[in-house]
């Protein structure tokens, strides 16, 4: 099994083995709960549960456990990057108010739940 992050680099390709179920998290249930948990724990460490990976040849890494969470995090961070790119010229991140955090949270949820954009996981 993999000792992350020591064996994963920017060239690694995460793959979902055939025996794994498809991405099935409900957008209004599990995804919303995870996003709420992230924003509720910004000031402390947050345990997301175990993730188990298995290294394969050619830089591929199989996701054995934690696929639903990992995929949700990839989508979340892609939505966050999109949000930041839209606001980068506004100097909006010099000081962040509670209202701005709520706006960010709303925008990220909207991007994920409404399906703005297409994010592909190989």
PDB file of N, CA and C in Angstrom:
ATOM      1  N   UNK A   1       0.840  -1.183   0.000  1.00  0.00           N
ATOM      2  CA  UNK A   1       0.000   0.000   0.000  1.00  0.00           C
ATOM      3  C   UNK A   1       0.877   1.236   0.000  1.00  0.00           C
ATOM      4  N   UNK A   2       0.303   2.325  -0.357  1.00  0.00           N
ATOM      5  CA  UNK A   2       1.050   3.558  -0.530  1.00  0.00           C
ATOM      6  C   UNK A   2       1.242   4.342   0.749  1.00  0.00           C
ATOM      7  N   UNK A   3       2.416   4.905   0.892  1.00  0.00           N
ATOM      8  CA  UNK A   3       2.686   5.825   1.980  1.00  0.00           C
ATOM      9  C   UNK A   3       2.573   7.233   1.406  1.00  0.00           C
ATOM     10  N   UNK A   4       1.393   7.774   1.393  1.00  0.00           N
ATOM     11  CA  UNK A   4       1.170   9.101   0.822  1.00  0.00           C
ATOM     12  C   UNK A   4       1.738  10.141   1.760  1.00  0.00           C
ATOM     13  N   UNK A   5       2.264  11.235   1.312  1.00  0.00           N
ATOM     14  CA  UNK A   5       2.432  11.604  -0.082  1.00  0.00           C
ATOM     15  C   UNK A   5       3.759  11.174  -0.679  1.00  0.00           C
ATOM     16  N   UNK A   6       4.535  10.356   0.022  1.00  0.00           N
ATOM     17  CA  UNK A   6       5.879  10.003  -0.434  1.00  0.00           C
ATOM     18  C   UNK A   6       5.903   9.318  -1.792  1.00  0.00           C
ATOM     19  N   UNK A   7       4.875   8.560  -2.131  1.00  0.00           N
ATOM     20  CA  UNK A   7       4.894   7.808  -3.379  1.00  0.00           C
ATOM     21  C   UNK A   7       3.949   8.365  -4.438  1.00  0.00           C
ATOM     22  N   UNK A   8       3.343   9.487  -4.163  1.00  0.00           N
ATOM     23  CA  UNK A   8       2.442  10.116  -5.122  1.00  0.00           C
ATOM     24  C   UNK A   8       3.049  11.453  -5.506  1.00  0.00           C
ATOM     25  N   UNK A   9       3.119  11.722  -6.805  1.00  0.00           N
ATOM     26  CA  UNK A   9       3.626  13.006  -7.254  1.00  0.00           C
ATOM     27  C   UNK A   9       2.694  13.567  -8.316  1.00  0.00           C
ATOM     28  N   UNK A  10       3.090  14.677  -8.905  1.00  0.00           N
ATOM     29  CA  UNK A  10       2.225  15.343  -9.877  1.00  0.00           C
ATOM     30  C   UNK A  10       2.031  14.524 -11.146  1.00  0.00           C
ATOM     31  N   UNK A  11       2.860  13.519 -11.358  1.00  0.00           N
ATOM     32  CA  UNK A  11       2.723  12.668 -12.542  1.00  0.00           C
ATOM     33  C   UNK A  11       1.845  11.444 -12.282  1.00  0.00           C
ATOM     34  N   UNK A  12       1.482  11.216 -11.034  1.00  0.00           N
ATOM     35  CA  UNK A  12       0.656  10.051 -10.695  1.00  0.00           C
ATOM     36  C   UNK A  12      -0.749  10.213 -11.266  1.00  0.00           C
ATOM     37  N   UNK A  13      -1.310   9.109 -11.680  1.00  0.00           N
ATOM     38  CA  UNK A  13      -2.677   9.105 -12.200  1.00  0.00           C
ATOM     39  C   UNK A  13      -3.507   8.180 -11.318  1.00  0.00           C
ATOM     40  N   UNK A  14      -4.500   8.739 -10.642  1.00  0.00           N
ATOM     41  CA  UNK A  14      -5.378   7.940  -9.808  1.00  0.00           C
ATOM     42  C   UNK A  14      -6.391   7.227 -10.694  1.00  0.00           C
ATOM     43  N   UNK A  15      -6.562   5.940 -10.454  1.00  0.00           N
ATOM     44  CA  UNK A  15      -7.539   5.159 -11.216  1.00  0.00           C
ATOM     45  C   UNK A  15      -8.459   4.439 -10.237  1.00  0.00           C
ATOM     46  N   UNK A  16      -9.691   4.251 -10.672  1.00  0.00           N
ATOM     47  CA  UNK A  16     -10.677   3.534  -9.870  1.00  0.00           C
ATOM     48  C   UNK A  16     -10.765   2.117 -10.419  1.00  0.00           C
ATOM     49  N   UNK A  17     -10.443   1.114  -9.596  1.00  0.00           N
ATOM     50  CA  UNK A  17     -10.517  -0.274 -10.069  1.00  0.00           C
ATOM     51  C   UNK A  17     -11.952  -0.647 -10.452  1.00  0.00           C
ATOM     52  N   UNK A  18     -12.086  -1.618 -11.330  1.00  0.00           N
ATOM     53  CA  UNK A  18     -13.406  -2.039 -11.802  1.00  0.00           C
ATOM     54  C   UNK A  18     -14.326  -2.504 -10.679  1.00  0.00           C
ATOM     55  N   UNK A  19     -13.741  -3.054  -9.610  1.00  0.00           N
ATOM     56  CA  UNK A  19     -14.586  -3.565  -8.526  1.00  0.00           C
ATOM     57  C   UNK A  19     -15.190  -2.452  -7.663  1.00  0.00           C
ATOM     58  N   UNK A  20     -14.714  -1.218  -7.844  1.00  0.00           N
ATOM     59  CA  UNK A  20     -15.256  -0.103  -7.075  1.00  0.00           C
ATOM     60  C   UNK A  20     -16.568   0.378  -7.682  1.00  0.00           C
ATOM     61  N   UNK A  21     -17.459   0.861  -6.835  1.00  0.00           N
ATOM     62  CA  UNK A  21     -18.717   1.434  -7.326  1.00  0.00           C
ATOM     63  C   UNK A  21     -18.444   2.777  -7.993  1.00  0.00           C
ATOM     64  N   UNK A  22     -19.380   3.230  -8.791  1.00  0.00           N
ATOM     65  CA  UNK A  22     -19.271   4.538  -9.422  1.00  0.00           C
ATOM     66  C   UNK A  22     -19.426   5.619  -8.356  1.00  0.00           C
ATOM     67  N   UNK A  23     -19.121   6.839  -8.752  1.00  0.00           N
ATOM     68  CA  UNK A  23     -19.324   7.967  -7.844  1.00  0.00           C
ATOM     69  C   UNK A  23     -20.818   8.120  -7.608  1.00  0.00           C
ATOM     70  N   UNK A  24     -21.233   7.951  -6.351  1.00  0.00           N
ATOM     71  CA  UNK A  24     -22.662   7.918  -6.044  1.00  0.00           C
ATOM     72  C   UNK A  24     -23.079   8.875  -4.941  1.00  0.00           C
ATOM     73  N   UNK A  25     -22.189   9.711  -4.476  1.00  0.00           N
ATOM     74  CA  UNK A  25     -22.589  10.596  -3.392  1.00  0.00           C
ATOM     75  C   UNK A  25     -23.698  11.518  -3.861  1.00  0.00           C
ATOM     76  N   UNK A  26     -24.706  11.663  -3.030  1.00  0.00           N
ATOM     77  CA  UNK A  26     -25.814  12.569  -3.322  1.00  0.00           C
ATOM     78  C   UNK A  26     -25.343  14.006  -3.114  1.00  0.00           C
ATOM     79  N   UNK A  27     -25.591  14.830  -4.104  1.00  0.00           N
ATOM     80  CA  UNK A  27     -25.093  16.202  -4.061  1.00  0.00           C
ATOM     81  C   UNK A  27     -25.679  17.001  -2.904  1.00  0.00           C
ATOM     82  N   UNK A  28     -26.945  16.790  -2.617  1.00  0.00           N
ATOM     83  CA  UNK A  28     -27.577  17.562  -1.549  1.00  0.00           C
ATOM     84  C   UNK A  28     -27.376  16.923  -0.183  1.00  0.00           C
ATOM     85  N   UNK A  29     -26.789  15.742  -0.117  1.00  0.00           N
ATOM     86  CA  UNK A  29     -26.633  15.061   1.160  1.00  0.00           C
ATOM     87  C   UNK A  29     -25.157  14.961   1.533  1.00  0.00           C
ATOM     88  N   UNK A  30     -24.461  13.957   1.019  1.00  0.00           N
ATOM     89  CA  UNK A  30     -23.071  13.740   1.418  1.00  0.00           C
ATOM     90  C   UNK A  30     -22.151  14.884   1.000  1.00  0.00           C
ATOM     91  N   UNK A  31     -22.314  15.395  -0.227  1.00  0.00           N
ATOM     92  CA  UNK A  31     -21.452  16.481  -0.705  1.00  0.00           C
ATOM     93  C   UNK A  31     -21.662  17.728   0.145  1.00  0.00           C
ATOM     94  N   UNK A  32     -22.917  18.095   0.369  1.00  0.00           N
ATOM     95  CA  UNK A  32     -23.216  19.280   1.176  1.00  0.00           C
ATOM     96  C   UNK A  32     -22.689  19.116   2.598  1.00  0.00           C
ATOM     97  N   UNK A  33     -22.817  17.916   3.163  1.00  0.00           N
ATOM     98  CA  UNK A  33     -22.320  17.658   4.514  1.00  0.00           C
ATOM     99  C   UNK A  33     -20.807  17.821   4.574  1.00  0.00           C
ATOM    100  N   UNK A  34     -20.086  17.273   3.585  1.00  0.00           N
ATOM    101  CA  UNK A  34     -18.630  17.394   3.571  1.00  0.00           C
ATOM    102  C   UNK A  34     -18.207  18.856   3.455  1.00  0.00           C
ATOM    103  N   UNK A  35     -18.860  19.617   2.585  1.00  0.00           N
ATOM    104  CA  UNK A  35     -18.523  21.032   2.427  1.00  0.00           C
ATOM    105  C   UNK A  35     -18.788  21.787   3.725  1.00  0.00           C
ATOM    106  N   UNK A  36     -19.931  21.522   4.349  1.00  0.00           N
ATOM    107  CA  UNK A  36     -20.231  22.163   5.633  1.00  0.00           C
ATOM    108  C   UNK A  36     -19.178  21.808   6.677  1.00  0.00           C
ATOM    109  N   UNK A  37     -18.763  20.540   6.710  1.00  0.00           N
ATOM    110  CA  UNK A  37     -17.732  20.105   7.658  1.00  0.00           C
ATOM    111  C   UNK A  37     -16.409  20.826   7.419  1.00  0.00           C
ATOM    112  N   UNK A  38     -16.031  20.976   6.157  1.00  0.00           N
ATOM    113  CA  UNK A  38     -14.779  21.671   5.826  1.00  0.00           C
ATOM    114  C   UNK A  38     -14.820  23.097   6.366  1.00  0.00           C
ATOM    115  N   UNK A  39     -15.900  23.815   6.076  1.00  0.00           N
ATOM    116  CA  UNK A  39     -15.991  25.208   6.501  1.00  0.00           C
ATOM    117  C   UNK A  39     -16.182  25.347   8.011  1.00  0.00           C
ATOM    118  N   UNK A  40     -16.739  24.351   8.652  1.00  0.00           N
ATOM    119  CA  UNK A  40     -16.916  24.389  10.109  1.00  0.00           C
ATOM    120  C   UNK A  40     -15.615  24.106  10.848  1.00  0.00           C
ATOM    121  N   UNK A  41     -14.634  23.569  10.146  1.00  0.00           N
ATOM    122  CA  UNK A  41     -13.377  23.173  10.789  1.00  0.00           C
ATOM    123  C   UNK A  41     -12.168  23.874  10.188  1.00  0.00           C
ATOM    124  N   UNK A  42     -12.343  25.070   9.669  1.00  0.00           N
ATOM    125  CA  UNK A  42     -11.236  25.785   9.036  1.00  0.00           C
ATOM    126  C   UNK A  42     -10.103  26.097  10.005  1.00  0.00           C
ATOM    127  N   UNK A  43     -10.410  26.245  11.272  1.00  0.00           N
ATOM    128  CA  UNK A  43      -9.395  26.651  12.238  1.00  0.00           C
ATOM    129  C   UNK A  43      -8.760  25.483  12.990  1.00  0.00           C
ATOM    130  N   UNK A  44      -9.034  24.257  12.563  1.00  0.00           N
ATOM    131  CA  UNK A  44      -8.439  23.093  13.237  1.00  0.00           C
ATOM    132  C   UNK A  44      -8.301  21.940  12.242  1.00  0.00           C
ATOM    133  N   UNK A  45      -7.559  20.921  12.666  1.00  0.00           N
ATOM    134  CA  UNK A  45      -7.404  19.741  11.820  1.00  0.00           C
ATOM    135  C   UNK A  45      -8.731  19.014  11.714  1.00  0.00           C
ATOM    136  N   UNK A  46      -8.943  18.408  10.555  1.00  0.00           N
ATOM    137  CA  UNK A  46     -10.199  17.697  10.314  1.00  0.00           C
ATOM    138  C   UNK A  46      -9.875  16.338   9.707  1.00  0.00           C
ATOM    139  N   UNK A  47     -10.297  15.276  10.358  1.00  0.00           N
ATOM    140  CA  UNK A  47     -10.046  13.919   9.882  1.00  0.00           C
ATOM    141  C   UNK A  47     -11.124  13.538   8.879  1.00  0.00           C
ATOM    142  N   UNK A  48     -10.717  13.248   7.647  1.00  0.00           N
ATOM    143  CA  UNK A  48     -11.678  12.918   6.591  1.00  0.00           C
ATOM    144  C   UNK A  48     -11.893  11.424   6.436  1.00  0.00           C
ATOM    145  N   UNK A  49     -11.240  10.643   7.265  1.00  0.00           N
ATOM    146  CA  UNK A  49     -11.367   9.194   7.147  1.00  0.00           C
ATOM    147  C   UNK A  49     -10.193   8.630   6.368  1.00  0.00           C
ATOM    148  N   UNK A  50     -10.005   7.326   6.466  1.00  0.00           N
ATOM    149  CA  UNK A  50      -8.861   6.716   5.778  1.00  0.00           C
ATOM    150  C   UNK A  50      -9.054   6.671   4.266  1.00  0.00           C
ATOM    151  N   UNK A  51      -7.946   6.757   3.577  1.00  0.00           N
ATOM    152  CA  UNK A  51      -7.923   6.561   2.127  1.00  0.00           C
ATOM    153  C   UNK A  51      -6.806   5.573   1.851  1.00  0.00           C
ATOM    154  N   UNK A  52      -7.120   4.541   1.107  1.00  0.00           N
ATOM    155  CA  UNK A  52      -6.140   3.491   0.830  1.00  0.00           C
ATOM    156  C   UNK A  52      -5.869   3.455  -0.667  1.00  0.00           C
ATOM    157  N   UNK A  53      -4.574   3.499  -1.019  1.00  0.00           N
ATOM    158  CA  UNK A  53      -4.144   3.495  -2.410  1.00  0.00           C
ATOM    159  C   UNK A  53      -3.188   2.331  -2.634  1.00  0.00           C
ATOM    160  N   UNK A  54      -3.146   1.863  -3.879  1.00  0.00           N
ATOM    161  CA  UNK A  54      -2.238   0.772  -4.230  1.00  0.00           C
ATOM    162  C   UNK A  54      -1.480   1.169  -5.487  1.00  0.00           C
ATOM    163  N   UNK A  55      -0.128   1.238  -5.402  1.00  0.00           N
ATOM    164  CA  UNK A  55       0.652   1.648  -6.574  1.00  0.00           C
ATOM    165  C   UNK A  55       0.639   0.578  -7.657  1.00  0.00           C
ATOM    166  N   UNK A  56       0.508   1.015  -8.896  1.00  0.00           N
ATOM    167  CA  UNK A  56       0.552   0.135 -10.062  1.00  0.00           C
ATOM    168  C   UNK A  56       1.682   0.622 -10.973  1.00  0.00           C
ATOM    169  N   UNK A  57       1.906  -0.094 -12.038  1.00  0.00           N
ATOM    170  CA  UNK A  57       2.961   0.305 -12.974  1.00  0.00           C
ATOM    171  C   UNK A  57       2.546   1.548 -13.759  1.00  0.00           C
ATOM    172  N   UNK A  58       3.533   2.215 -14.308  1.00  0.00           N
ATOM    173  CA  UNK A  58       3.284   3.372 -15.160  1.00  0.00           C
ATOM    174  C   UNK A  58       2.780   4.603 -14.430  1.00  0.00           C
ATOM    175  N   UNK A  59       3.063   4.703 -13.135  1.00  0.00           N
ATOM    176  CA  UNK A  59       2.637   5.878 -12.382  1.00  0.00           C
ATOM    177  C   UNK A  59       1.172   5.879 -11.984  1.00  0.00           C
ATOM    178  N   UNK A  60       0.482   4.768 -12.226  1.00  0.00           N
ATOM    179  CA  UNK A  60      -0.931   4.683 -11.850  1.00  0.00           C
ATOM    180  C   UNK A  60      -1.055   4.298 -10.381  1.00  0.00           C
ATOM    181  N   UNK A  61      -2.073   4.827  -9.748  1.00  0.00           N
ATOM    182  CA  UNK A  61      -2.343   4.558  -8.339  1.00  0.00           C
ATOM    183  C   UNK A  61      -3.820   4.193  -8.211  1.00  0.00           C
ATOM    184  N   UNK A  62      -4.095   2.965  -7.769  1.00  0.00           N
ATOM    185  CA  UNK A  62      -5.489   2.541  -7.599  1.00  0.00           C
ATOM    186  C   UNK A  62      -6.038   3.069  -6.279  1.00  0.00           C
ATOM    187  N   UNK A  63      -7.261   3.549  -6.332  1.00  0.00           N
ATOM    188  CA  UNK A  63      -7.954   4.002  -5.131  1.00  0.00           C
ATOM    189  C   UNK A  63      -8.726   2.810  -4.584  1.00  0.00           C
ATOM    190  N   UNK A  64      -8.264   2.271  -3.471  1.00  0.00           N
ATOM    191  CA  UNK A  64      -8.900   1.099  -2.873  1.00  0.00           C
ATOM    192  C   UNK A  64     -10.022   1.522  -1.930  1.00  0.00           C
ATOM    193  N   UNK A  65      -9.782   2.542  -1.129  1.00  0.00           N
ATOM    194  CA  UNK A  65     -10.809   3.044  -0.216  1.00  0.00           C
ATOM    195  C   UNK A  65     -10.717   4.561  -0.171  1.00  0.00           C
ATOM    196  N   UNK A  66     -11.852   5.229  -0.138  1.00  0.00           N
ATOM    197  CA  UNK A  66     -11.890   6.686  -0.058  1.00  0.00           C
ATOM    198  C   UNK A  66     -12.195   7.356  -1.377  1.00  0.00           C
ATOM    199  N   UNK A  67     -12.630   6.585  -2.374  1.00  0.00           N
ATOM    200  CA  UNK A  67     -12.886   7.135  -3.708  1.00  0.00           C
ATOM    201  C   UNK A  67     -13.920   8.258  -3.675  1.00  0.00           C
ATOM    202  N   UNK A  68     -15.034   8.054  -2.983  1.00  0.00           N
ATOM    203  CA  UNK A  68     -16.103   9.055  -2.963  1.00  0.00           C
ATOM    204  C   UNK A  68     -15.588  10.371  -2.376  1.00  0.00           C
ATOM    205  N   UNK A  69     -14.835  10.278  -1.271  1.00  0.00           N
ATOM    206  CA  UNK A  69     -14.291  11.483  -0.642  1.00  0.00           C
ATOM    207  C   UNK A  69     -13.243  12.141  -1.522  1.00  0.00           C
ATOM    208  N   UNK A  70     -12.351  11.339  -2.111  1.00  0.00           N
ATOM    209  CA  UNK A  70     -11.289  11.893  -2.947  1.00  0.00           C
ATOM    210  C   UNK A  70     -11.869  12.616  -4.162  1.00  0.00           C
ATOM    211  N   UNK A  71     -12.828  12.002  -4.823  1.00  0.00           N
ATOM    212  CA  UNK A  71     -13.456  12.635  -5.988  1.00  0.00           C
ATOM    213  C   UNK A  71     -14.141  13.935  -5.570  1.00  0.00           C
ATOM    214  N   UNK A  72     -14.832  13.906  -4.437  1.00  0.00           N
ATOM    215  CA  UNK A  72     -15.501  15.114  -3.951  1.00  0.00           C
ATOM    216  C   UNK A  72     -14.489  16.208  -3.650  1.00  0.00           C
ATOM    217  N   UNK A  73     -13.342  15.856  -3.052  1.00  0.00           N
ATOM    218  CA  UNK A  73     -12.302  16.852  -2.786  1.00  0.00           C
ATOM    219  C   UNK A  73     -11.727  17.420  -4.078  1.00  0.00           C
ATOM    220  N   UNK A  74     -11.510  16.587  -5.078  1.00  0.00           N
ATOM    221  CA  UNK A  74     -10.997  17.080  -6.361  1.00  0.00           C
ATOM    222  C   UNK A  74     -11.977  18.084  -6.958  1.00  0.00           C
ATOM    223  N   UNK A  75     -13.261  17.750  -6.946  1.00  0.00           N
ATOM    224  CA  UNK A  75     -14.281  18.666  -7.469  1.00  0.00           C
ATOM    225  C   UNK A  75     -14.319  19.941  -6.625  1.00  0.00           C
ATOM    226  N   UNK A  76     -14.258  19.780  -5.305  1.00  0.00           N
ATOM    227  CA  UNK A  76     -14.277  20.930  -4.399  1.00  0.00           C
ATOM    228  C   UNK A  76     -13.119  21.879  -4.698  1.00  0.00           C
ATOM    229  N   UNK A  77     -11.904  21.334  -4.802  1.00  0.00           N
ATOM    230  CA  UNK A  77     -10.746  22.194  -5.038  1.00  0.00           C
ATOM    231  C   UNK A  77     -10.772  22.810  -6.432  1.00  0.00           C
ATOM    232  N   UNK A  78     -11.321  22.106  -7.403  1.00  0.00           N
ATOM    233  CA  UNK A  78     -11.472  22.691  -8.736  1.00  0.00           C
ATOM    234  C   UNK A  78     -12.449  23.860  -8.678  1.00  0.00           C
ATOM    235  N   UNK A  79     -13.539  23.684  -7.937  1.00  0.00           N
ATOM    236  CA  UNK A  79     -14.506  24.769  -7.770  1.00  0.00           C
ATOM    237  C   UNK A  79     -13.876  25.943  -7.024  1.00  0.00           C
ATOM    238  N   UNK A  80     -13.046  25.653  -6.025  1.00  0.00           N
ATOM    239  CA  UNK A  80     -12.367  26.701  -5.270  1.00  0.00           C
ATOM    240  C   UNK A  80     -11.406  27.481  -6.165  1.00  0.00           C
ATOM    241  N   UNK A  81     -10.646  26.785  -6.995  1.00  0.00           N
ATOM    242  CA  UNK A  81      -9.739  27.450  -7.938  1.00  0.00           C
ATOM    243  C   UNK A  81     -10.533  28.339  -8.890  1.00  0.00           C
ATOM    244  N   UNK A  82     -11.647  27.842  -9.396  1.00  0.00           N
ATOM    245  CA  UNK A  82     -12.501  28.620 -10.293  1.00  0.00           C
ATOM    246  C   UNK A  82     -12.995  29.886  -9.594  1.00  0.00           C
ATOM    247  N   UNK A  83     -13.428  29.735  -8.359  1.00  0.00           N
ATOM    248  CA  UNK A  83     -13.917  30.873  -7.575  1.00  0.00           C
ATOM    249  C   UNK A  83     -12.812  31.912  -7.379  1.00  0.00           C
ATOM    250  N   UNK A  84     -11.629  31.455  -6.995  1.00  0.00           N
ATOM    251  CA  UNK A  84     -10.513  32.371  -6.753  1.00  0.00           C
ATOM    252  C   UNK A  84     -10.099  33.079  -8.040  1.00  0.00           C
ATOM    253  N   UNK A  85     -10.083  32.362  -9.158  1.00  0.00           N
ATOM    254  CA  UNK A  85      -9.720  32.987 -10.431  1.00  0.00           C
ATOM    255  C   UNK A  85     -10.712  34.085 -10.809  1.00  0.00           C
ATOM    256  N   UNK A  86     -11.981  33.868 -10.516  1.00  0.00           N
ATOM    257  CA  UNK A  86     -12.985  34.886 -10.827  1.00  0.00           C
ATOM    258  C   UNK A  86     -12.815  36.126  -9.955  1.00  0.00           C
ATOM    259  N   UNK A  87     -12.297  35.948  -8.740  1.00  0.00           N
ATOM    260  CA  UNK A  87     -12.215  37.065  -7.801  1.00  0.00           C
ATOM    261  C   UNK A  87     -10.804  37.613  -7.613  1.00  0.00           C
ATOM    262  N   UNK A  88      -9.833  37.085  -8.325  1.00  0.00           N
ATOM    263  CA  UNK A  88      -8.436  37.449  -8.038  1.00  0.00           C
ATOM    264  C   UNK A  88      -8.137  38.930  -8.225  1.00  0.00           C
ATOM    265  N   UNK A  89      -8.830  39.600  -9.115  1.00  0.00           N
ATOM    266  CA  UNK A  89      -8.558  41.011  -9.358  1.00  0.00           C
ATOM    267  C   UNK A  89      -9.272  41.932  -8.371  1.00  0.00           C
ATOM    268  N   UNK A  90     -10.098  41.371  -7.526  1.00  0.00           N
ATOM    269  CA  UNK A  90     -10.880  42.190  -6.603  1.00  0.00           C
ATOM    270  C   UNK A  90     -10.164  42.453  -5.284  1.00  0.00           C
ATOM    271  N   UNK A  91      -8.990  41.867  -5.093  1.00  0.00           N
ATOM    272  CA  UNK A  91      -8.274  41.977  -3.825  1.00  0.00           C
ATOM    273  C   UNK A  91      -9.181  41.557  -2.670  1.00  0.00           C
ATOM    274  N   UNK A  92      -9.996  40.539  -2.932  1.00  0.00           N
ATOM    275  CA  UNK A  92     -11.019  40.114  -1.972  1.00  0.00           C
ATOM    276  C   UNK A  92     -10.470  39.259  -0.848  1.00  0.00           C
ATOM    277  N   UNK A  93      -9.222  38.851  -0.946  1.00  0.00           N
ATOM    278  CA  UNK A  93      -8.712  37.914   0.043  1.00  0.00           C
ATOM    279  C   UNK A  93      -7.731  38.552   1.029  1.00  0.00           C
ATOM    280  N   UNK A  94      -7.606  39.883   1.008  1.00  0.00           N
ATOM    281  CA  UNK A  94      -6.713  40.522   1.969  1.00  0.00           C
ATOM    282  C   UNK A  94      -7.271  40.390   3.387  1.00  0.00           C
ATOM    283  N   UNK A  95      -8.541  40.616   3.542  1.00  0.00           N
ATOM    284  CA  UNK A  95      -9.238  40.336   4.800  1.00  0.00           C
ATOM    285  C   UNK A  95     -10.546  39.656   4.428  1.00  0.00           C
ATOM    286  N   UNK A  96     -10.868  38.622   5.145  1.00  0.00           N
ATOM    287  CA  UNK A  96     -12.054  37.841   4.808  1.00  0.00           C
ATOM    288  C   UNK A  96     -13.028  37.899   5.977  1.00  0.00           C
ATOM    289  N   UNK A  97     -14.222  38.388   5.697  1.00  0.00           N
ATOM    290  CA  UNK A  97     -15.250  38.466   6.730  1.00  0.00           C
ATOM    291  C   UNK A  97     -16.056  37.171   6.768  1.00  0.00           C
ATOM    292  N   UNK A  98     -16.850  37.022   7.800  1.00  0.00           N
ATOM    293  CA  UNK A  98     -17.720  35.843   7.920  1.00  0.00           C
ATOM    294  C   UNK A  98     -18.704  35.783   6.752  1.00  0.00           C
ATOM    295  N   UNK A  99     -19.187  36.938   6.323  1.00  0.00           N
ATOM    296  CA  UNK A  99     -20.114  36.964   5.184  1.00  0.00           C
ATOM    297  C   UNK A  99     -19.435  36.485   3.909  1.00  0.00           C
ATOM    298  N   UNK A 100     -18.165  36.855   3.729  1.00  0.00           N
ATOM    299  CA  UNK A 100     -17.436  36.415   2.540  1.00  0.00           C
ATOM    300  C   UNK A 100     -17.183  34.915   2.567  1.00  0.00           C
ATOM    301  N   UNK A 101     -16.932  34.359   3.747  1.00  0.00           N
ATOM    302  CA  UNK A 101     -16.772  32.907   3.859  1.00  0.00           C
ATOM    303  C   UNK A 101     -18.078  32.220   3.486  1.00  0.00           C
ATOM    304  N   UNK A 102     -19.194  32.759   3.948  1.00  0.00           N
ATOM    305  CA  UNK A 102     -20.499  32.185   3.594  1.00  0.00           C
ATOM    306  C   UNK A 102     -20.748  32.295   2.091  1.00  0.00           C
ATOM    307  N   UNK A 103     -20.340  33.415   1.491  1.00  0.00           N
ATOM    308  CA  UNK A 103     -20.492  33.579   0.043  1.00  0.00           C
ATOM    309  C   UNK A 103     -19.640  32.558  -0.706  1.00  0.00           C
ATOM    310  N   UNK A 104     -18.402  32.362  -0.256  1.00  0.00           N
ATOM    311  CA  UNK A 104     -17.524  31.364  -0.864  1.00  0.00           C
ATOM    312  C   UNK A 104     -18.140  29.980  -0.737  1.00  0.00           C
ATOM    313  N   UNK A 105     -18.619  29.660   0.441  1.00  0.00           N
ATOM    314  CA  UNK A 105     -19.259  28.362   0.682  1.00  0.00           C
ATOM    315  C   UNK A 105     -20.453  28.171  -0.255  1.00  0.00           C
ATOM    316  N   UNK A 106     -21.278  29.190  -0.380  1.00  0.00           N
ATOM    317  CA  UNK A 106     -22.443  29.119  -1.264  1.00  0.00           C
ATOM    318  C   UNK A 106     -22.013  28.931  -2.716  1.00  0.00           C
ATOM    319  N   UNK A 107     -21.033  29.713  -3.153  1.00  0.00           N
ATOM    320  CA  UNK A 107     -20.576  29.620  -4.543  1.00  0.00           C
ATOM    321  C   UNK A 107     -20.000  28.243  -4.859  1.00  0.00           C
ATOM    322  N   UNK A 108     -19.216  27.689  -3.945  1.00  0.00           N
ATOM    323  CA  UNK A 108     -18.631  26.366  -4.178  1.00  0.00           C
ATOM    324  C   UNK A 108     -19.721  25.310  -4.232  1.00  0.00           C
ATOM    325  N   UNK A 109     -20.673  25.376  -3.307  1.00  0.00           N
ATOM    326  CA  UNK A 109     -21.787  24.415  -3.333  1.00  0.00           C
ATOM    327  C   UNK A 109     -22.564  24.540  -4.640  1.00  0.00           C
ATOM    328  N   UNK A 110     -22.790  25.780  -5.080  1.00  0.00           N
ATOM    329  CA  UNK A 110     -23.530  26.006  -6.319  1.00  0.00           C
ATOM    330  C   UNK A 110     -22.774  25.414  -7.505  1.00  0.00           C
ATOM    331  N   UNK A 111     -21.464  25.619  -7.542  1.00  0.00           N
ATOM    332  CA  UNK A 111     -20.662  25.080  -8.639  1.00  0.00           C
ATOM    333  C   UNK A 111     -20.707  23.562  -8.674  1.00  0.00           C
ATOM    334  N   UNK A 112     -20.627  22.925  -7.509  1.00  0.00           N
ATOM    335  CA  UNK A 112     -20.639  21.465  -7.461  1.00  0.00           C
ATOM    336  C   UNK A 112     -22.035  20.933  -7.715  1.00  0.00           C
ATOM    337  N   UNK A 113     -23.024  21.459  -7.015  1.00  0.00           N
ATOM    338  CA  UNK A 113     -24.380  20.914  -7.082  1.00  0.00           C
ATOM    339  C   UNK A 113     -25.053  21.241  -8.404  1.00  0.00           C
ATOM    340  N   UNK A 114     -24.847  22.430  -8.920  1.00  0.00           N
ATOM    341  CA  UNK A 114     -25.484  22.808 -10.183  1.00  0.00           C
ATOM    342  C   UNK A 114     -24.723  22.285 -11.393  1.00  0.00           C
ATOM    343  N   UNK A 115     -23.520  21.775 -11.174  1.00  0.00           N
ATOM    344  CA  UNK A 115     -22.768  21.166 -12.266  1.00  0.00           C
ATOM    345  C   UNK A 115     -22.146  22.163 -13.217  1.00  0.00           C
ATOM    346  N   UNK A 116     -21.791  23.362 -12.727  1.00  0.00           N
ATOM    347  CA  UNK A 116     -21.146  24.344 -13.598  1.00  0.00           C
ATOM    348  C   UNK A 116     -19.781  23.809 -14.004  1.00  0.00           C
ATOM    349  N   UNK A 117     -19.554  23.722 -15.293  1.00  0.00           N
ATOM    350  CA  UNK A 117     -18.281  23.207 -15.779  1.00  0.00           C
ATOM    351  C   UNK A 117     -18.259  21.688 -15.776  1.00  0.00           C
ATOM    352  N   UNK A 118     -17.260  21.141 -16.406  1.00  0.00           N
ATOM    353  CA  UNK A 118     -17.100  19.687 -16.455  1.00  0.00           C
ATOM    354  C   UNK A 118     -15.712  19.370 -15.944  1.00  0.00           C
ATOM    355  N   UNK A 119     -15.647  18.552 -14.916  1.00  0.00           N
ATOM    356  CA  UNK A 119     -14.368  18.136 -14.367  1.00  0.00           C
ATOM    357  C   UNK A 119     -14.228  16.650 -14.577  1.00  0.00           C
ATOM    358  N   UNK A 120     -13.176  16.248 -15.226  1.00  0.00           N
ATOM    359  CA  UNK A 120     -12.990  14.846 -15.591  1.00  0.00           C
ATOM    360  C   UNK A 120     -11.914  14.223 -14.729  1.00  0.00           C
ATOM    361  N   UNK A 121     -12.226  13.061 -14.203  1.00  0.00           N
ATOM    362  CA  UNK A 121     -11.241  12.275 -13.474  1.00  0.00           C
ATOM    363  C   UNK A 121     -10.914  11.063 -14.310  1.00  0.00           C
ATOM    364  N   UNK A 122      -9.629  10.864 -14.612  1.00  0.00           N
ATOM    365  CA  UNK A 122      -9.232   9.736 -15.453  1.00  0.00           C
ATOM    366  C   UNK A 122      -9.360   8.434 -14.705  1.00  0.00           C
TER     367      UNK A 122
END
